[in-house]
Every structure is written in C-alpha cells, then in structure tokens.
PDB file of N, CA and C in Angstrom:
ATOM      1  N   MET A   1     161.570 157.167  54.522  1.00  0.00           N
ATOM      2  CA  MET A   1     161.915 157.260  55.954  1.00  0.00           C
ATOM      3  C   MET A   1     160.636 156.862  56.772  1.00  0.00           C
ATOM      4  N   LYS A   2     160.809 156.047  57.722  1.00  0.00           N
ATOM      5  CA  LYS A   2     159.738 155.438  58.538  1.00  0.00           C
ATOM      6  C   LYS A   2     159.620 156.350  59.760  1.00  0.00           C
ATOM      7  N   THR A   3     158.362 156.731  60.079  1.00  0.00           N
ATOM      8  CA  THR A   3     158.136 157.530  61.345  1.00  0.00           C
ATOM      9  C   THR A   3     157.921 156.538  62.486  1.00  0.00           C
ATOM     10  N   GLU A   4     158.515 156.923  63.629  1.00  0.00           N
ATOM     11  CA  GLU A   4     158.403 156.023  64.766  1.00  0.00           C
ATOM     12  C   GLU A   4     157.284 156.627  65.632  1.00  0.00           C
ATOM     13  N   ARG A   5     156.429 155.673  66.070  1.00  0.00           N
ATOM     14  CA  ARG A   5     155.324 156.030  66.990  1.00  0.00           C
ATOM     15  C   ARG A   5     155.667 155.493  68.378  1.00  0.00           C
ATOM     16  N   PRO A   6     155.307 156.191  69.404  1.00  0.00           N
ATOM     17  CA  PRO A   6     155.519 155.569  70.760  1.00  0.00           C
ATOM     18  C   PRO A   6     154.578 154.434  71.030  1.00  0.00           C
ATOM     19  N   ILE A   7     155.123 153.503  71.664  1.00  0.00           N
ATOM     20  CA  ILE A   7     154.355 152.261  71.924  1.00  0.00           C
ATOM     21  C   ILE A   7     153.534 152.458  73.265  1.00  0.00           C
ATOM     22  N   ILE A   8     152.309 152.453  73.292  1.00  0.00           N
ATOM     23  CA  ILE A   8     151.512 152.696  74.400  1.00  0.00           C
ATOM     24  C   ILE A   8     150.886 151.361  74.814  1.00  0.00           C
ATOM     25  N   SER A   9     151.119 150.964  76.079  1.00  0.00           N
ATOM     26  CA  SER A   9     150.560 149.695  76.538  1.00  0.00           C
ATOM     27  C   SER A   9     149.297 150.078  77.329  1.00  0.00           C
ATOM     28  N   ASP A  10     148.545 149.012  77.676  1.00  0.00           N
ATOM     29  CA  ASP A  10     147.279 149.211  78.419  1.00  0.00           C
ATOM     30  C   ASP A  10     147.619 149.465  79.848  1.00  0.00           C
ATOM     31  N   ASP A  11     148.821 149.224  80.358  1.00  0.00           N
ATOM     32  CA  ASP A  11     149.159 149.501  81.728  1.00  0.00           C
ATOM     33  C   ASP A  11     149.255 150.973  82.099  1.00  0.00           C
ATOM     34  N   GLU A  12     149.358 151.838  81.035  1.00  0.00           N
ATOM     35  CA  GLU A  12     149.452 153.278  81.379  1.00  0.00           C
ATOM     36  C   GLU A  12     148.098 153.887  81.586  1.00  0.00           C
ATOM     37  N   HIS A  13     147.012 153.296  81.245  1.00  0.00           N
ATOM     38  CA  HIS A  13     145.681 153.853  81.249  1.00  0.00           C
ATOM     39  C   HIS A  13     144.870 153.393  82.488  1.00  0.00           C
ATOM     40  N   VAL A  14     144.498 154.283  83.278  1.00  0.00           N
ATOM     41  CA  VAL A  14     143.741 153.857  84.514  1.00  0.00           C
ATOM     42  C   VAL A  14     142.447 154.749  84.543  1.00  0.00           C
ATOM     43  N   VAL A  15     141.328 154.082  84.722  1.00  0.00           N
ATOM     44  CA  VAL A  15     140.085 154.840  84.861  1.00  0.00           C
ATOM     45  C   VAL A  15     139.748 154.951  86.312  1.00  0.00           C
ATOM     46  N   LEU A  16     139.530 156.145  86.816  1.00  0.00           N
ATOM     47  CA  LEU A  16     139.244 156.409  88.158  1.00  0.00           C
ATOM     48  C   LEU A  16     137.663 156.599  88.311  1.00  0.00           C
ATOM     49  N   LYS A  17     137.068 155.965  89.271  1.00  0.00           N
ATOM     50  CA  LYS A  17     135.625 156.163  89.524  1.00  0.00           C
ATOM     51  C   LYS A  17     135.484 156.980  90.702  1.00  0.00           C
ATOM     52  N   PHE A  18     134.723 158.044  90.555  1.00  0.00           N
ATOM     53  CA  PHE A  18     134.507 159.042  91.559  1.00  0.00           C
ATOM     54  C   PHE A  18     133.138 158.761  92.199  1.00  0.00           C
ATOM     55  N   ARG A  19     133.083 158.961  93.514  1.00  0.00           N
ATOM     56  CA  ARG A  19     131.885 158.702  94.280  1.00  0.00           C
ATOM     57  C   ARG A  19     131.012 160.042  94.173  1.00  0.00           C
ATOM     58  N   PRO A  20     129.695 159.955  94.055  1.00  0.00           N
ATOM     59  CA  PRO A  20     129.003 161.198  94.136  1.00  0.00           C
ATOM     60  C   PRO A  20     129.029 161.919  95.494  1.00  0.00           C
ATOM     61  N   ARG A  21     129.037 163.210  95.461  1.00  0.00           N
ATOM     62  CA  ARG A  21     129.138 163.982  96.699  1.00  0.00           C
ATOM     63  C   ARG A  21     127.784 164.236  97.381  1.00  0.00           C
ATOM     64  N   THR A  22     126.719 163.873  96.694  1.00  0.00           N
ATOM     65  CA  THR A  22     125.421 164.221  97.146  1.00  0.00           C
ATOM     66  C   THR A  22     124.922 163.211  98.297  1.00  0.00           C
ATOM     67  N   SER A  23     125.494 162.045  98.262  1.00  0.00           N
ATOM     68  CA  SER A  23     124.960 161.064  99.297  1.00  0.00           C
ATOM     69  C   SER A  23     125.622 161.285 100.633  1.00  0.00           C
ATOM     70  N   ASP A  24     124.939 160.906 101.701  1.00  0.00           N
ATOM     71  CA  ASP A  24     125.437 161.185 103.076  1.00  0.00           C
ATOM     72  C   ASP A  24     126.507 160.104 103.353  1.00  0.00           C
ATOM     73  N   HIS A  25     126.290 158.886 102.899  1.00  0.00           N
ATOM     74  CA  HIS A  25     127.226 157.769 103.154  1.00  0.00           C
ATOM     75  C   HIS A  25     127.864 157.388 101.786  1.00  0.00           C
ATOM     76  N   PRO A  26     129.211 157.379 101.753  1.00  0.00           N
ATOM     77  CA  PRO A  26     129.846 157.089 100.455  1.00  0.00           C
ATOM     78  C   PRO A  26     129.630 155.563 100.225  1.00  0.00           C
ATOM     79  N   PRO A  27     129.512 155.093  98.972  1.00  0.00           N
ATOM     80  CA  PRO A  27     129.341 153.734  98.620  1.00  0.00           C
ATOM     81  C   PRO A  27     130.594 152.885  99.084  1.00  0.00           C
ATOM     82  N   ALA A  28     130.333 151.655  99.425  1.00  0.00           N
ATOM     83  CA  ALA A  28     131.456 150.825  99.793  1.00  0.00           C
ATOM     84  C   ALA A  28     132.354 150.515  98.641  1.00  0.00           C
ATOM     85  N   ARG A  29     133.662 150.299  98.888  1.00  0.00           N
ATOM     86  CA  ARG A  29     134.615 150.036  97.819  1.00  0.00           C
ATOM     87  C   ARG A  29     134.445 148.605  97.388  1.00  0.00           C
ATOM     88  N   ARG A  30     134.598 148.380  96.098  1.00  0.00           N
ATOM     89  CA  ARG A  30     134.472 147.161  95.507  1.00  0.00           C
ATOM     90  C   ARG A  30     135.911 146.817  94.864  1.00  0.00           C
ATOM     91  N   ASP A  31     136.227 145.538  94.966  1.00  0.00           N
ATOM     92  CA  ASP A  31     137.422 145.091  94.292  1.00  0.00           C
ATOM     93  C   ASP A  31     137.201 144.852  92.840  1.00  0.00           C
ATOM     94  N   GLU A  32     137.865 145.619  92.003  1.00  0.00           N
ATOM     95  CA  GLU A  32     137.602 145.416  90.557  1.00  0.00           C
ATOM     96  C   GLU A  32     138.397 144.245  90.044  1.00  0.00           C
ATOM     97  N   SER A  33     137.719 143.201  89.825  1.00  0.00           N
ATOM     98  CA  SER A  33     138.470 141.941  89.414  1.00  0.00           C
ATOM     99  C   SER A  33     139.158 142.012  88.156  1.00  0.00           C
ATOM    100  N   GLY A  34     138.661 142.812  87.218  1.00  0.00           N
ATOM    101  CA  GLY A  34     139.310 142.915  85.959  1.00  0.00           C
ATOM    102  C   GLY A  34     140.627 143.521  86.000  1.00  0.00           C
ATOM    103  N   LEU A  35     140.883 144.478  86.891  1.00  0.00           N
ATOM    104  CA  LEU A  35     142.142 145.221  87.003  1.00  0.00           C
ATOM    105  C   LEU A  35     143.092 144.492  87.952  1.00  0.00           C
ATOM    106  N   ALA A  36     142.645 143.752  88.860  1.00  0.00           N
ATOM    107  CA  ALA A  36     143.446 143.185  89.924  1.00  0.00           C
ATOM    108  C   ALA A  36     144.120 141.979  89.434  1.00  0.00           C
ATOM    109  N   ASN A  37     143.821 141.346  88.279  1.00  0.00           N
ATOM    110  CA  ASN A  37     144.434 140.117  87.929  1.00  0.00           C
ATOM    111  C   ASN A  37     145.800 140.371  87.336  1.00  0.00           C
ATOM    112  N   THR A  38     146.128 141.475  86.864  1.00  0.00           N
ATOM    113  CA  THR A  38     147.400 141.705  86.177  1.00  0.00           C
ATOM    114  C   THR A  38     148.389 142.291  87.262  1.00  0.00           C
ATOM    115  N   PRO A  39     149.515 141.699  87.468  1.00  0.00           N
ATOM    116  CA  PRO A  39     150.493 142.254  88.455  1.00  0.00           C
ATOM    117  C   PRO A  39     150.976 143.661  88.081  1.00  0.00           C
ATOM    118  N   GLY A  40     151.115 144.515  88.998  1.00  0.00           N
ATOM    119  CA  GLY A  40     151.514 145.870  88.659  1.00  0.00           C
ATOM    120  C   GLY A  40     150.312 146.785  88.515  1.00  0.00           C
ATOM    121  N   LYS A  41     149.222 146.304  87.849  1.00  0.00           N
ATOM    122  CA  LYS A  41     148.075 147.204  87.691  1.00  0.00           C
ATOM    123  C   LYS A  41     147.311 147.377  88.965  1.00  0.00           C
ATOM    124  N   ALA A  42     147.282 146.303  89.768  1.00  0.00           N
ATOM    125  CA  ALA A  42     146.530 146.373  91.087  1.00  0.00           C
ATOM    126  C   ALA A  42     147.092 147.434  91.922  1.00  0.00           C
ATOM    127  N   SER A  43     148.432 147.548  92.035  1.00  0.00           N
ATOM    128  CA  SER A  43     148.984 148.516  92.993  1.00  0.00           C
ATOM    129  C   SER A  43     148.755 149.897  92.485  1.00  0.00           C
ATOM    130  N   ARG A  44     148.850 150.174  91.151  1.00  0.00           N
ATOM    131  CA  ARG A  44     148.625 151.487  90.662  1.00  0.00           C
ATOM    132  C   ARG A  44     147.231 151.794  90.718  1.00  0.00           C
ATOM    133  N   THR A  45     146.267 150.869  90.509  1.00  0.00           N
ATOM    134  CA  THR A  45     144.837 151.114  90.593  1.00  0.00           C
ATOM    135  C   THR A  45     144.443 151.475  92.026  1.00  0.00           C
ATOM    136  N   ALA A  46     144.990 150.634  92.958  1.00  0.00           N
ATOM    137  CA  ALA A  46     144.698 150.996  94.349  1.00  0.00           C
ATOM    138  C   ALA A  46     145.163 152.287  94.787  1.00  0.00           C
ATOM    139  N   ALA A  47     146.365 152.718  94.331  1.00  0.00           N
ATOM    140  CA  ALA A  47     146.954 154.044  94.758  1.00  0.00           C
ATOM    141  C   ALA A  47     146.190 155.119  93.997  1.00  0.00           C
ATOM    142  N   ALA A  48     145.746 154.960  92.815  1.00  0.00           N
ATOM    143  CA  ALA A  48     145.003 155.920  91.969  1.00  0.00           C
ATOM    144  C   ALA A  48     143.518 156.068  92.528  1.00  0.00           C
ATOM    145  N   SER A  49     142.923 155.017  92.937  1.00  0.00           N
ATOM    146  CA  SER A  49     141.485 155.085  93.368  1.00  0.00           C
ATOM    147  C   SER A  49     141.361 155.445  94.812  1.00  0.00           C
ATOM    148  N   ASP A  50     142.435 155.567  95.599  1.00  0.00           N
ATOM    149  CA  ASP A  50     142.326 155.956  97.042  1.00  0.00           C
ATOM    150  C   ASP A  50     142.290 157.461  97.096  1.00  0.00           C
ATOM    151  N   LEU A  51     141.157 158.005  96.973  1.00  0.00           N
ATOM    152  CA  LEU A  51     140.948 159.432  97.031  1.00  0.00           C
ATOM    153  C   LEU A  51     140.429 159.904  98.383  1.00  0.00           C
ATOM    154  N   SER A  52     140.408 159.063  99.391  1.00  0.00           N
ATOM    155  CA  SER A  52     139.757 159.386 100.672  1.00  0.00           C
ATOM    156  C   SER A  52     140.502 160.488 101.366  1.00  0.00           C
ATOM    157  N   ARG A  53     141.765 160.656 101.046  1.00  0.00           N
ATOM    158  CA  ARG A  53     142.536 161.673 101.807  1.00  0.00           C
ATOM    159  C   ARG A  53     142.125 163.081 101.346  1.00  0.00           C
ATOM    160  N   TYR A  54     141.491 163.186 100.153  1.00  0.00           N
ATOM    161  CA  TYR A  54     141.048 164.493  99.625  1.00  0.00           C
ATOM    162  C   TYR A  54     139.549 164.855 100.040  1.00  0.00           C
ATOM    163  N   GLU A  55     138.907 163.909 100.617  1.00  0.00           N
ATOM    164  CA  GLU A  55     137.523 164.166 100.962  1.00  0.00           C
ATOM    165  C   GLU A  55     137.429 164.947 102.281  1.00  0.00           C
ATOM    166  N   GLN A  56     136.399 165.802 102.338  1.00  0.00           N
ATOM    167  CA  GLN A  56     136.069 166.611 103.543  1.00  0.00           C
ATOM    168  C   GLN A  56     134.987 165.795 104.298  1.00  0.00           C
ATOM    169  N   PRO A  57     135.084 165.812 105.656  1.00  0.00           N
ATOM    170  CA  PRO A  57     133.960 165.232 106.364  1.00  0.00           C
ATOM    171  C   PRO A  57     132.672 165.981 106.210  1.00  0.00           C
ATOM    172  N   ARG A  58     131.578 165.188 106.119  1.00  0.00           N
ATOM    173  CA  ARG A  58     130.245 165.816 105.947  1.00  0.00           C
ATOM    174  C   ARG A  58     129.725 166.517 107.175  1.00  0.00           C
ATOM    175  N   ASP A  59     130.333 166.269 108.326  1.00  0.00           N
ATOM    176  CA  ASP A  59     129.961 166.946 109.519  1.00  0.00           C
ATOM    177  C   ASP A  59     130.169 168.461 109.519  1.00  0.00           C
ATOM    178  N   GLU A  60     131.255 168.806 108.852  1.00  0.00           N
ATOM    179  CA  GLU A  60     131.573 170.284 108.718  1.00  0.00           C
ATOM    180  C   GLU A  60     130.706 170.907 107.659  1.00  0.00           C
ATOM    181  N   GLY A  61     130.115 172.145 107.970  1.00  0.00           N
ATOM    182  CA  GLY A  61     129.332 172.821 106.974  1.00  0.00           C
ATOM    183  C   GLY A  61     130.276 173.539 105.975  1.00  0.00           C
ATOM    184  N   ASP A  62     129.747 173.927 104.870  1.00  0.00           N
ATOM    185  CA  ASP A  62     130.449 174.602 103.836  1.00  0.00           C
ATOM    186  C   ASP A  62     130.664 176.071 104.351  1.00  0.00           C
ATOM    187  N   ASP A  63     131.936 176.469 104.375  1.00  0.00           N
ATOM    188  CA  ASP A  63     132.218 177.848 104.762  1.00  0.00           C
ATOM    189  C   ASP A  63     131.951 178.814 103.676  1.00  0.00           C
ATOM    190  N   PHE A  64     130.694 179.248 103.548  1.00  0.00           N
ATOM    191  CA  PHE A  64     130.368 180.144 102.434  1.00  0.00           C
ATOM    192  C   PHE A  64     131.080 181.474 102.457  1.00  0.00           C
ATOM    193  N   ARG A  65     131.246 182.033 103.605  1.00  0.00           N
ATOM    194  CA  ARG A  65     131.943 183.365 103.795  1.00  0.00           C
ATOM    195  C   ARG A  65     133.374 183.278 103.329  1.00  0.00           C
ATOM    196  N   HIS A  66     134.097 182.282 103.760  1.00  0.00           N
ATOM    197  CA  HIS A  66     135.519 182.034 103.314  1.00  0.00           C
ATOM    198  C   HIS A  66     135.575 181.879 101.810  1.00  0.00           C
ATOM    199  N   ARG A  67     134.690 181.054 101.297  1.00  0.00           N
ATOM    200  CA  ARG A  67     134.697 180.766  99.841  1.00  0.00           C
ATOM    201  C   ARG A  67     134.487 182.023  99.074  1.00  0.00           C
ATOM    202  N   MET A  68     133.550 182.791  99.469  1.00  0.00           N
ATOM    203  CA  MET A  68     133.210 184.089  98.723  1.00  0.00           C
ATOM    204  C   MET A  68     134.366 185.075  98.874  1.00  0.00           C
ATOM    205  N   LEU A  69     135.018 185.162 100.085  1.00  0.00           N
ATOM    206  CA  LEU A  69     136.192 186.052 100.167  1.00  0.00           C
ATOM    207  C   LEU A  69     137.217 185.594  99.275  1.00  0.00           C
ATOM    208  N   ALA A  70     137.466 184.322  99.152  1.00  0.00           N
ATOM    209  CA  ALA A  70     138.481 183.723  98.238  1.00  0.00           C
ATOM    210  C   ALA A  70     138.214 184.135  96.794  1.00  0.00           C
ATOM    211  N   ASN A  71     136.952 183.960  96.437  1.00  0.00           N
ATOM    212  CA  ASN A  71     136.458 184.306  95.092  1.00  0.00           C
ATOM    213  C   ASN A  71     136.698 185.768  94.773  1.00  0.00           C
ATOM    214  N   VAL A  72     136.301 186.662  95.698  1.00  0.00           N
ATOM    215  CA  VAL A  72     136.544 188.092  95.510  1.00  0.00           C
ATOM    216  C   VAL A  72     138.041 188.454  95.404  1.00  0.00           C
ATOM    217  N   ALA A  73     138.899 187.764  96.203  1.00  0.00           N
ATOM    218  CA  ALA A  73     140.294 187.937  96.087  1.00  0.00           C
ATOM    219  C   ALA A  73     140.920 187.531  94.801  1.00  0.00           C
ATOM    220  N   ALA A  74     140.419 186.411  94.274  1.00  0.00           N
ATOM    221  CA  ALA A  74     140.852 185.855  93.041  1.00  0.00           C
ATOM    222  C   ALA A  74     140.404 186.771  91.913  1.00  0.00           C
ATOM    223  N   PHE A  75     139.136 187.293  91.984  1.00  0.00           N
ATOM    224  CA  PHE A  75     138.678 188.214  90.945  1.00  0.00           C
ATOM    225  C   PHE A  75     139.473 189.518  90.924  1.00  0.00           C
ATOM    226  N   ALA A  76     139.788 190.106  92.130  1.00  0.00           N
ATOM    227  CA  ALA A  76     140.511 191.311  92.234  1.00  0.00           C
ATOM    228  C   ALA A  76     141.946 191.079  91.654  1.00  0.00           C
ATOM    229  N   PHE A  77     142.583 189.914  91.963  1.00  0.00           N
ATOM    230  CA  PHE A  77     143.865 189.559  91.414  1.00  0.00           C
ATOM    231  C   PHE A  77     143.868 189.533  89.893  1.00  0.00           C
ATOM    232  N   THR A  78     142.822 188.908  89.361  1.00  0.00           N
ATOM    233  CA  THR A  78     142.675 188.745  87.928  1.00  0.00           C
ATOM    234  C   THR A  78     142.507 190.125  87.225  1.00  0.00           C
ATOM    235  N   VAL A  79     141.678 191.060  87.857  1.00  0.00           N
ATOM    236  CA  VAL A  79     141.475 192.362  87.370  1.00  0.00           C
ATOM    237  C   VAL A  79     142.753 193.156  87.355  1.00  0.00           C
ATOM    238  N   ALA A  80     143.458 193.083  88.466  1.00  0.00           N
ATOM    239  CA  ALA A  80     144.738 193.774  88.556  1.00  0.00           C
ATOM    240  C   ALA A  80     145.738 193.277  87.521  1.00  0.00           C
ATOM    241  N   LEU A  81     145.841 191.988  87.393  1.00  0.00           N
ATOM    242  CA  LEU A  81     146.780 191.418  86.413  1.00  0.00           C
ATOM    243  C   LEU A  81     146.415 191.825  84.962  1.00  0.00           C
ATOM    244  N   THR A  82     145.100 191.922  84.676  1.00  0.00           N
ATOM    245  CA  THR A  82     144.610 192.362  83.364  1.00  0.00           C
ATOM    246  C   THR A  82     144.953 193.795  83.143  1.00  0.00           C
ATOM    247  N   ALA A  83     144.719 194.632  84.198  1.00  0.00           N
ATOM    248  CA  ALA A  83     145.025 196.008  84.007  1.00  0.00           C
ATOM    249  C   ALA A  83     146.534 196.302  83.808  1.00  0.00           C
ATOM    250  N   ILE A  84     147.339 195.547  84.579  1.00  0.00           N
ATOM    251  CA  ILE A  84     148.750 195.652  84.374  1.00  0.00           C
ATOM    252  C   ILE A  84     149.230 195.264  83.004  1.00  0.00           C
ATOM    253  N   GLY A  85     148.640 194.209  82.525  1.00  0.00           N
ATOM    254  CA  GLY A  85     148.968 193.710  81.185  1.00  0.00           C
ATOM    255  C   GLY A  85     148.640 194.762  80.111  1.00  0.00           C
ATOM    256  N   ILE A  86     147.445 195.345  80.239  1.00  0.00           N
ATOM    257  CA  ILE A  86     147.089 196.373  79.298  1.00  0.00           C
ATOM    258  C   ILE A  86     147.938 197.581  79.307  1.00  0.00           C
ATOM    259  N   TRP A  87     148.231 198.038  80.576  1.00  0.00           N
ATOM    260  CA  TRP A  87     149.159 199.172  80.738  1.00  0.00           C
ATOM    261  C   TRP A  87     150.440 198.827  80.084  1.00  0.00           C
ATOM    262  N   LEU A  88     151.023 197.704  80.375  1.00  0.00           N
ATOM    263  CA  LEU A  88     152.362 197.303  79.765  1.00  0.00           C
ATOM    264  C   LEU A  88     152.283 197.296  78.255  1.00  0.00           C
ATOM    265  N   ALA A  89     151.159 196.758  77.635  1.00  0.00           N
ATOM    266  CA  ALA A  89     151.047 196.676  76.211  1.00  0.00           C
ATOM    267  C   ALA A  89     151.017 198.136  75.572  1.00  0.00           C
ATOM    268  N   VAL A  90     150.266 199.037  76.268  1.00  0.00           N
ATOM    269  CA  VAL A  90     150.193 200.422  75.680  1.00  0.00           C
ATOM    270  C   VAL A  90     151.551 201.112  75.836  1.00  0.00           C
ATOM    271  N   SER A  91     152.224 200.843  76.996  1.00  0.00           N
ATOM    272  CA  SER A  91     153.591 201.476  77.179  1.00  0.00           C
ATOM    273  C   SER A  91     154.584 200.920  76.159  1.00  0.00           C
ATOM    274  N   ILE A  92     154.586 199.763  75.871  1.00  0.00           N
ATOM    275  CA  ILE A  92     155.457 199.115  74.875  1.00  0.00           C
ATOM    276  C   ILE A  92     155.164 199.635  73.483  1.00  0.00           C
ATOM    277  N   ALA A  93     153.909 199.805  73.198  1.00  0.00           N
ATOM    278  CA  ALA A  93     153.494 200.378  71.856  1.00  0.00           C
ATOM    279  C   ALA A  93     153.950 201.805  71.708  1.00  0.00           C
ATOM    280  N   ASP A  94     153.803 202.585  72.790  1.00  0.00           N
ATOM    281  CA  ASP A  94     154.291 204.017  72.832  1.00  0.00           C
ATOM    282  C   ASP A  94     155.793 204.098  72.623  1.00  0.00           C
ATOM    283  N   LEU A  95     156.491 203.282  73.382  1.00  0.00           N
ATOM    284  CA  LEU A  95     157.979 203.239  73.257  1.00  0.00           C
ATOM    285  C   LEU A  95     158.395 202.840  71.846  1.00  0.00           C
ATOM    286  N   ARG A  96     157.642 201.970  71.268  1.00  0.00           N
ATOM    287  CA  ARG A  96     157.993 201.465  69.948  1.00  0.00           C
ATOM    288  C   ARG A  96     157.781 202.559  68.887  1.00  0.00           C
ATOM    289  N   LYS A  97     156.647 203.315  69.052  1.00  0.00           N
ATOM    290  CA  LYS A  97     156.342 204.413  68.134  1.00  0.00           C
ATOM    291  C   LYS A  97     157.459 205.523  68.260  1.00  0.00           C
ATOM    292  N   THR A  98     157.874 205.844  69.468  1.00  0.00           N
ATOM    293  CA  THR A  98     158.856 206.859  69.625  1.00  0.00           C
ATOM    294  C   THR A  98     160.251 206.458  69.052  1.00  0.00           C
ATOM    295  N   GLN A  99     160.533 205.039  69.234  1.00  0.00           N
ATOM    296  CA  GLN A  99     161.747 204.583  68.688  1.00  0.00           C
ATOM    297  C   GLN A  99     161.712 204.534  67.193  1.00  0.00           C
ATOM    298  N   ASP A 100     160.658 204.196  66.552  1.00  0.00           N
ATOM    299  CA  ASP A 100     160.475 204.260  65.106  1.00  0.00           C
ATOM    300  C   ASP A 100     160.688 205.674  64.616  1.00  0.00           C
ATOM    301  N   CYS A 101     160.131 206.609  65.348  1.00  0.00           N
ATOM    302  CA  CYS A 101     160.251 207.940  64.936  1.00  0.00           C
ATOM    303  C   CYS A 101     161.691 208.463  64.970  1.00  0.00           C
ATOM    304  N   VAL A 102     162.444 208.149  66.138  1.00  0.00           N
ATOM    305  CA  VAL A 102     163.818 208.508  66.208  1.00  0.00           C
ATOM    306  C   VAL A 102     164.691 207.802  65.127  1.00  0.00           C
ATOM    307  N   LEU A 103     164.491 206.548  64.908  1.00  0.00           N
ATOM    308  CA  LEU A 103     165.171 205.808  63.870  1.00  0.00           C
ATOM    309  C   LEU A 103     165.009 206.322  62.487  1.00  0.00           C
ATOM    310  N   MET A 104     163.883 206.976  62.281  1.00  0.00           N
ATOM    311  CA  MET A 104     163.655 207.518  60.863  1.00  0.00           C
ATOM    312  C   MET A 104     164.389 208.835  60.715  1.00  0.00           C
ATOM    313  N   GLY A 105     164.968 209.334  61.786  1.00  0.00           N
ATOM    314  CA  GLY A 105     165.799 210.594  61.752  1.00  0.00           C
ATOM    315  C   GLY A 105     164.918 211.842  61.977  1.00  0.00           C
ATOM    316  N   ARG A 106     163.764 211.703  62.440  1.00  0.00           N
ATOM    317  CA  ARG A 106     162.951 212.860  62.720  1.00  0.00           C
ATOM    318  C   ARG A 106     163.398 213.534  64.079  1.00  0.00           C
ATOM    319  N   ARG A 107     163.195 214.835  64.175  1.00  0.00           N
ATOM    320  CA  ARG A 107     163.636 215.549  65.467  1.00  0.00           C
ATOM    321  C   ARG A 107     162.504 215.955  66.322  1.00  0.00           C
ATOM    322  N   ASP A 108     161.265 215.732  65.955  1.00  0.00           N
ATOM    323  CA  ASP A 108     160.180 216.140  66.697  1.00  0.00           C
ATOM    324  C   ASP A 108     159.432 214.962  67.402  1.00  0.00           C
ATOM    325  N   CYS A 109     160.195 213.978  67.893  1.00  0.00           N
ATOM    326  CA  CYS A 109     159.604 212.771  68.430  1.00  0.00           C
ATOM    327  C   CYS A 109     159.252 212.869  69.827  1.00  0.00           C
ATOM    328  N   ALA A 110     159.818 213.805  70.546  1.00  0.00           N
ATOM    329  CA  ALA A 110     159.523 213.951  71.991  1.00  0.00           C
ATOM    330  C   ALA A 110     158.097 214.471  72.208  1.00  0.00           C
ATOM    331  N   ARG A 111     157.405 213.885  73.213  1.00  0.00           N
ATOM    332  CA  ARG A 111     156.096 214.341  73.543  1.00  0.00           C
ATOM    333  C   ARG A 111     156.127 215.561  74.435  1.00  0.00           C
ATOM    334  N   ILE A 112     155.412 216.607  74.129  1.00  0.00           N
ATOM    335  CA  ILE A 112     155.467 217.817  74.867  1.00  0.00           C
ATOM    336  C   ILE A 112     154.037 217.893  75.527  1.00  0.00           C
ATOM    337  N   SER A 113     154.076 218.042  76.817  1.00  0.00           N
ATOM    338  CA  SER A 113     152.848 218.176  77.596  1.00  0.00           C
ATOM    339  C   SER A 113     152.604 219.637  77.905  1.00  0.00           C
ATOM    340  N   VAL A 114     151.434 220.124  77.558  1.00  0.00           N
ATOM    341  CA  VAL A 114     151.151 221.544  77.848  1.00  0.00           C
ATOM    342  C   VAL A 114     150.170 221.554  78.963  1.00  0.00           C
ATOM    343  N   THR A 115     150.493 222.359  80.015  1.00  0.00           N
ATOM    344  CA  THR A 115     149.574 222.578  81.097  1.00  0.00           C
ATOM    345  C   THR A 115     148.846 223.894  80.878  1.00  0.00           C
ATOM    346  N   PRO A 116     147.585 223.876  81.050  1.00  0.00           N
ATOM    347  CA  PRO A 116     146.813 225.140  80.917  1.00  0.00           C
ATOM    348  C   PRO A 116     147.145 226.149  82.030  1.00  0.00           C
ATOM    349  N   GLN A 117     147.396 227.379  81.617  1.00  0.00           N
ATOM    350  CA  GLN A 117     147.614 228.387  82.563  1.00  0.00           C
ATOM    351  C   GLN A 117     146.369 229.134  82.935  1.00  0.00           C
ATOM    352  N   GLY A 118     146.226 229.322  84.209  1.00  0.00           N
ATOM    353  CA  GLY A 118     144.983 229.866  84.690  1.00  0.00           C
ATOM    354  C   GLY A 118     144.975 231.335  84.921  1.00  0.00           C
TER     355      GLY A 118
END
C-alpha cells in the first residue's frame, strides 16, 4: 500500500520581514523582485507584508499603568482559573471515592462531620 503525501508548492510559503521597533523612522519599503515575478505571489506577498495597520504611532507614549493593570487582571484570572481547576479535581476525586465505597456494598461511606461542643 502506497502512502499519499500532500503536495506542497512554493506558492504556500511566504516569509514576512518585520521592521525593528527601536528606530524612530521605519525603513522604506522595497519591492522584492524575486517574489514579484510570479503571478499570484505578488498579491499575497503584498497583502502579507502590509503590517502598517497594526503599528502604533510613535507620538503616543506607552501607557504603562494600563499595561500593568491588564497584566494584574490576567494574573488574577489565571490564579482564579487554577484554583477552580484544583477544587474541581479534588471534588471529583472525593465523589469517585464515595461512589467506589457505595458500589463495593459498604454502609459506612457517608462522611460524618463532628462539631466540637463548647
């Protein structure tokens, strides 16, 4: 039996060049002659390399306070999600232990909580 492999052409692979963020003025765009010769490639390359809509203007300063608040909120969400996951895992393990006890036919499976009398 012959295994079939997908045929991958060079048209599917595009290398994006990113401009460094440290410079005040971004470098001018150059026409990449190697990619523009093939029809179809030029339009995809132009669309893939047009990242100007994601750039932030350098006139605006970095909003440190907003970024730190977002980081704290993300950290709190992660901690809460982890705590809920641990609680859920412990609860499922406890229910499984009780179910195993009942299925074995034992009668002393219920947990009895004793409160100290003062």
